[in-house]
């Protein structure tokens, strides 16, 4: 089971994804692949935004079966950053809807 935690607190966005979905064999798990694609897309977008001076990446922890991000956005970048973040969350929610026994939001 993969568990997703996310929240917004003032000018910060938090996302933690942990666990393996165990939908299929390692290397052939489509649910895990979908989750990983969304997570790494968000991470790389945020790294680009940090390089451009649009956010401050407060926390970035990435290891097997675990990613934790804490993002501080600025007023001028709020709409853009929240849009990217919310798109990722929407994709993860769609995976939860399609595979509720493998993905769970808390």
N, C-alpha and C. Protein backbone atom coordinates (compact mmCIF):
# COMPACT_ATOMS: atom_id res chain seq x y z
N UNK A 1 0.84 -1.18 0.00
CA UNK A 1 0.00 0.00 0.00
C UNK A 1 0.89 1.24 0.00
N UNK A 2 0.56 2.18 -0.86
CA UNK A 2 1.23 3.48 -0.88
C UNK A 2 0.33 4.48 -0.17
N UNK A 3 0.89 5.23 0.75
CA UNK A 3 0.14 6.24 1.49
C UNK A 3 0.65 7.62 1.10
N UNK A 4 -0.30 8.52 0.86
CA UNK A 4 0.01 9.88 0.45
C UNK A 4 -0.51 10.84 1.52
N UNK A 5 0.37 11.71 1.97
CA UNK A 5 0.01 12.78 2.90
C UNK A 5 0.30 14.08 2.20
N UNK A 6 -0.66 15.01 2.23
CA UNK A 6 -0.38 16.32 1.66
C UNK A 6 -1.17 17.37 2.43
N UNK A 7 -0.61 18.57 2.47
CA UNK A 7 -1.32 19.67 3.08
C UNK A 7 -0.66 20.97 2.67
N UNK A 8 -1.41 22.03 2.93
CA UNK A 8 -0.91 23.38 2.72
C UNK A 8 -1.03 24.12 4.04
N UNK A 9 0.00 24.82 4.40
CA UNK A 9 0.01 25.56 5.65
C UNK A 9 0.66 26.91 5.37
N UNK A 10 -0.16 27.95 5.38
CA UNK A 10 0.29 29.30 5.04
C UNK A 10 0.96 29.29 3.66
N UNK A 11 2.25 29.55 3.62
CA UNK A 11 2.95 29.65 2.34
C UNK A 11 3.79 28.40 2.04
N UNK A 12 3.37 27.28 2.62
CA UNK A 12 4.13 26.04 2.41
C UNK A 12 3.21 24.91 1.95
N UNK A 13 3.79 24.07 1.10
CA UNK A 13 3.12 22.86 0.62
C UNK A 13 3.94 21.67 1.09
N UNK A 14 3.25 20.65 1.54
CA UNK A 14 3.90 19.45 2.05
C UNK A 14 3.36 18.24 1.29
N UNK A 15 4.24 17.34 0.94
CA UNK A 15 3.84 16.08 0.31
C UNK A 15 4.78 14.98 0.78
N UNK A 16 4.18 13.91 1.26
CA UNK A 16 4.93 12.70 1.60
C UNK A 16 4.22 11.52 0.94
N UNK A 17 4.99 10.72 0.25
CA UNK A 17 4.48 9.49 -0.37
C UNK A 17 5.36 8.37 0.15
N UNK A 18 4.73 7.36 0.76
CA UNK A 18 5.54 6.28 1.29
C UNK A 18 4.90 4.92 1.05
N UNK A 19 5.78 3.95 0.88
CA UNK A 19 5.34 2.57 0.69
C UNK A 19 5.31 2.18 -0.77
N UNK A 20 5.15 0.90 -0.98
CA UNK A 20 5.03 0.35 -2.33
C UNK A 20 3.60 -0.15 -2.50
N UNK A 21 3.05 0.04 -3.67
CA UNK A 21 1.65 -0.33 -3.89
C UNK A 21 1.45 -1.84 -3.89
N UNK A 22 2.46 -2.59 -4.37
CA UNK A 22 2.37 -4.05 -4.46
C UNK A 22 1.23 -4.52 -5.38
N UNK A 23 0.94 -3.71 -6.40
CA UNK A 23 -0.05 -4.10 -7.39
C UNK A 23 0.48 -5.21 -8.28
N UNK A 24 1.75 -5.13 -8.61
CA UNK A 24 2.37 -6.12 -9.49
C UNK A 24 3.79 -6.40 -9.05
N UNK A 25 4.46 -7.25 -9.82
CA UNK A 25 5.85 -7.59 -9.51
C UNK A 25 6.73 -6.35 -9.63
N UNK A 26 7.83 -6.35 -8.87
CA UNK A 26 8.78 -5.26 -8.92
C UNK A 26 9.25 -5.07 -10.37
N UNK A 27 9.20 -3.85 -10.83
CA UNK A 27 9.58 -3.54 -12.20
C UNK A 27 8.44 -3.63 -13.19
N UNK A 28 7.30 -4.19 -12.76
CA UNK A 28 6.13 -4.32 -13.63
C UNK A 28 4.87 -3.74 -12.99
N UNK A 29 5.03 -3.01 -11.91
CA UNK A 29 3.91 -2.48 -11.14
C UNK A 29 3.44 -1.16 -11.74
N UNK A 30 2.30 -1.18 -12.44
CA UNK A 30 1.82 0.03 -13.12
C UNK A 30 1.35 1.11 -12.14
N UNK A 31 0.84 0.71 -10.99
CA UNK A 31 0.41 1.69 -10.00
C UNK A 31 1.63 2.41 -9.43
N UNK A 32 2.64 1.67 -9.08
CA UNK A 32 3.89 2.26 -8.58
C UNK A 32 4.52 3.16 -9.65
N UNK A 33 4.48 2.73 -10.88
CA UNK A 33 5.04 3.53 -11.97
C UNK A 33 4.29 4.86 -12.11
N UNK A 34 2.98 4.82 -11.99
CA UNK A 34 2.19 6.05 -12.07
C UNK A 34 2.50 6.99 -10.92
N UNK A 35 2.58 6.45 -9.73
CA UNK A 35 2.91 7.26 -8.55
C UNK A 35 4.30 7.87 -8.70
N UNK A 36 5.25 7.05 -9.10
CA UNK A 36 6.63 7.53 -9.26
C UNK A 36 6.72 8.62 -10.32
N UNK A 37 6.01 8.45 -11.42
CA UNK A 37 6.03 9.44 -12.48
C UNK A 37 5.52 10.78 -11.98
N UNK A 38 4.41 10.76 -11.26
CA UNK A 38 3.86 12.00 -10.73
C UNK A 38 4.80 12.63 -9.70
N UNK A 39 5.34 11.81 -8.81
CA UNK A 39 6.22 12.33 -7.76
C UNK A 39 7.50 12.92 -8.34
N UNK A 40 8.12 12.24 -9.28
CA UNK A 40 9.36 12.74 -9.85
C UNK A 40 9.12 13.93 -10.78
N UNK A 41 7.97 13.99 -11.42
CA UNK A 41 7.62 15.16 -12.22
C UNK A 41 7.50 16.38 -11.31
N UNK A 42 6.79 16.22 -10.19
CA UNK A 42 6.67 17.32 -9.24
C UNK A 42 8.04 17.73 -8.71
N UNK A 43 8.82 16.76 -8.30
CA UNK A 43 10.16 17.06 -7.77
C UNK A 43 10.99 17.85 -8.78
N UNK A 44 11.04 17.40 -10.01
CA UNK A 44 11.85 18.07 -11.03
C UNK A 44 11.32 19.46 -11.37
N UNK A 45 10.01 19.61 -11.38
CA UNK A 45 9.43 20.94 -11.59
C UNK A 45 9.82 21.88 -10.46
N UNK A 46 9.78 21.38 -9.22
CA UNK A 46 10.13 22.21 -8.07
C UNK A 46 11.62 22.54 -8.05
N UNK A 47 12.46 21.63 -8.48
CA UNK A 47 13.89 21.93 -8.59
C UNK A 47 14.13 23.04 -9.62
N UNK A 48 13.41 22.98 -10.74
CA UNK A 48 13.51 24.04 -11.75
C UNK A 48 13.01 25.37 -11.19
N UNK A 49 11.91 25.33 -10.46
CA UNK A 49 11.35 26.55 -9.87
C UNK A 49 12.29 27.14 -8.82
N UNK A 50 12.95 26.28 -8.08
CA UNK A 50 13.92 26.77 -7.09
C UNK A 50 15.10 27.44 -7.79
N UNK A 51 15.57 26.83 -8.85
CA UNK A 51 16.67 27.42 -9.62
C UNK A 51 16.30 28.78 -10.19
N UNK A 52 15.03 28.96 -10.52
CA UNK A 52 14.54 30.22 -11.07
C UNK A 52 14.24 31.25 -9.97
N UNK A 53 14.34 30.84 -8.70
CA UNK A 53 14.09 31.76 -7.60
C UNK A 53 12.63 31.92 -7.25
N UNK A 54 11.79 30.98 -7.69
CA UNK A 54 10.35 31.08 -7.45
C UNK A 54 9.88 30.39 -6.18
N UNK A 55 10.69 29.51 -5.64
CA UNK A 55 10.35 28.80 -4.40
C UNK A 55 11.62 28.55 -3.61
N UNK A 56 11.41 28.10 -2.40
CA UNK A 56 12.51 27.58 -1.59
C UNK A 56 12.13 26.15 -1.24
N UNK A 57 12.95 25.21 -1.64
CA UNK A 57 12.70 23.80 -1.34
C UNK A 57 13.30 23.55 0.05
N UNK A 58 12.43 23.54 1.05
CA UNK A 58 12.85 23.42 2.44
C UNK A 58 13.32 22.00 2.76
N UNK A 59 12.57 21.03 2.27
CA UNK A 59 12.92 19.63 2.54
C UNK A 59 12.75 18.82 1.27
N UNK A 60 13.72 17.96 1.01
CA UNK A 60 13.67 17.04 -0.12
C UNK A 60 14.35 15.76 0.32
N UNK A 61 13.55 14.74 0.57
CA UNK A 61 14.09 13.44 0.93
C UNK A 61 13.55 12.43 -0.08
N UNK A 62 14.44 11.73 -0.75
CA UNK A 62 14.04 10.75 -1.75
C UNK A 62 14.83 9.48 -1.52
N UNK A 63 14.12 8.40 -1.32
CA UNK A 63 14.74 7.08 -1.23
C UNK A 63 13.71 6.05 -1.67
N UNK A 64 14.12 4.83 -1.75
CA UNK A 64 13.24 3.77 -2.25
C UNK A 64 11.95 3.72 -1.44
N UNK A 65 10.83 3.91 -2.12
CA UNK A 65 9.53 3.82 -1.48
C UNK A 65 9.17 5.02 -0.62
N UNK A 66 9.89 6.15 -0.79
CA UNK A 66 9.64 7.30 0.08
C UNK A 66 10.09 8.59 -0.60
N UNK A 67 9.21 9.57 -0.57
CA UNK A 67 9.58 10.92 -1.00
C UNK A 67 8.87 11.90 -0.07
N UNK A 68 9.60 12.90 0.36
CA UNK A 68 9.06 13.93 1.24
C UNK A 68 9.52 15.28 0.73
N UNK A 69 8.56 16.16 0.47
CA UNK A 69 8.86 17.50 -0.02
C UNK A 69 8.18 18.54 0.85
N UNK A 70 8.90 19.60 1.15
CA UNK A 70 8.34 20.77 1.80
C UNK A 70 8.76 21.96 0.96
N UNK A 71 7.77 22.67 0.45
CA UNK A 71 8.00 23.74 -0.51
C UNK A 71 7.47 25.05 0.06
N UNK A 72 8.31 26.06 0.07
CA UNK A 72 7.87 27.39 0.46
C UNK A 72 7.75 28.22 -0.82
N UNK A 73 6.55 28.72 -1.09
CA UNK A 73 6.36 29.55 -2.28
C UNK A 73 6.25 31.01 -1.87
N UNK A 74 6.42 31.88 -2.83
CA UNK A 74 6.34 33.31 -2.60
C UNK A 74 5.05 33.83 -3.22
N UNK A 75 4.59 34.99 -2.77
CA UNK A 75 3.33 35.52 -3.28
C UNK A 75 3.29 35.58 -4.81
N UNK A 76 4.39 36.01 -5.42
CA UNK A 76 4.41 36.16 -6.88
C UNK A 76 4.36 34.82 -7.62
N UNK A 77 4.70 33.73 -6.94
CA UNK A 77 4.72 32.43 -7.61
C UNK A 77 3.62 31.48 -7.13
N UNK A 78 2.78 31.95 -6.23
CA UNK A 78 1.78 31.08 -5.59
C UNK A 78 0.90 30.35 -6.62
N UNK A 79 0.30 31.06 -7.54
CA UNK A 79 -0.63 30.44 -8.50
C UNK A 79 0.07 29.37 -9.33
N UNK A 80 1.25 29.68 -9.79
CA UNK A 80 1.99 28.72 -10.64
C UNK A 80 2.38 27.47 -9.85
N UNK A 81 2.92 27.65 -8.66
CA UNK A 81 3.40 26.53 -7.85
C UNK A 81 2.23 25.68 -7.39
N UNK A 82 1.16 26.32 -6.91
CA UNK A 82 -0.01 25.56 -6.49
C UNK A 82 -0.64 24.81 -7.65
N UNK A 83 -0.58 25.39 -8.84
CA UNK A 83 -1.13 24.71 -10.02
C UNK A 83 -0.39 23.42 -10.32
N UNK A 84 0.92 23.46 -10.27
CA UNK A 84 1.73 22.26 -10.51
C UNK A 84 1.49 21.23 -9.40
N UNK A 85 1.52 21.70 -8.15
CA UNK A 85 1.31 20.82 -7.00
C UNK A 85 -0.07 20.17 -7.07
N UNK A 86 -1.10 20.97 -7.32
CA UNK A 86 -2.47 20.45 -7.38
C UNK A 86 -2.66 19.47 -8.53
N UNK A 87 -1.98 19.68 -9.65
CA UNK A 87 -2.06 18.73 -10.76
C UNK A 87 -1.50 17.37 -10.35
N UNK A 88 -0.40 17.38 -9.62
CA UNK A 88 0.18 16.14 -9.13
C UNK A 88 -0.78 15.44 -8.16
N UNK A 89 -1.37 16.20 -7.25
CA UNK A 89 -2.32 15.64 -6.29
C UNK A 89 -3.53 15.07 -7.02
N UNK A 90 -4.00 15.76 -8.04
CA UNK A 90 -5.14 15.24 -8.82
C UNK A 90 -4.80 13.89 -9.44
N UNK A 91 -3.61 13.76 -10.00
CA UNK A 91 -3.19 12.48 -10.57
C UNK A 91 -3.12 11.39 -9.53
N UNK A 92 -2.61 11.71 -8.35
CA UNK A 92 -2.53 10.72 -7.27
C UNK A 92 -3.94 10.33 -6.78
N UNK A 93 -4.84 11.31 -6.71
CA UNK A 93 -6.22 11.00 -6.33
C UNK A 93 -6.90 10.10 -7.36
N UNK A 94 -6.59 10.31 -8.62
CA UNK A 94 -7.15 9.44 -9.67
C UNK A 94 -6.64 8.02 -9.52
N UNK A 95 -5.37 7.86 -9.15
CA UNK A 95 -4.83 6.52 -8.89
C UNK A 95 -5.51 5.89 -7.68
N UNK A 96 -5.76 6.69 -6.65
CA UNK A 96 -6.46 6.17 -5.48
C UNK A 96 -7.87 5.71 -5.86
N UNK A 97 -8.53 6.50 -6.69
CA UNK A 97 -9.89 6.15 -7.13
C UNK A 97 -9.89 4.86 -7.94
N UNK A 98 -8.91 4.69 -8.81
CA UNK A 98 -8.85 3.51 -9.66
C UNK A 98 -8.30 2.28 -8.96
N UNK A 99 -7.47 2.50 -7.96
CA UNK A 99 -6.79 1.39 -7.26
C UNK A 99 -6.84 1.62 -5.75
N UNK A 100 -8.05 1.68 -5.16
CA UNK A 100 -8.16 2.05 -3.75
C UNK A 100 -7.49 1.08 -2.77
N UNK A 101 -7.29 -0.14 -3.17
CA UNK A 101 -6.63 -1.09 -2.28
C UNK A 101 -5.11 -0.97 -2.33
N UNK A 102 -4.60 -0.08 -3.21
CA UNK A 102 -3.15 0.07 -3.39
C UNK A 102 -2.63 1.48 -3.10
N UNK A 103 -3.53 2.47 -3.10
CA UNK A 103 -3.15 3.85 -2.85
C UNK A 103 -4.16 4.46 -1.88
N UNK A 104 -3.64 5.15 -0.84
CA UNK A 104 -4.52 5.73 0.16
C UNK A 104 -4.02 7.12 0.54
N UNK A 105 -4.95 8.05 0.61
CA UNK A 105 -4.66 9.40 1.10
C UNK A 105 -4.98 9.47 2.58
N UNK A 106 -4.17 10.20 3.30
CA UNK A 106 -4.45 10.48 4.73
C UNK A 106 -4.40 11.95 4.96
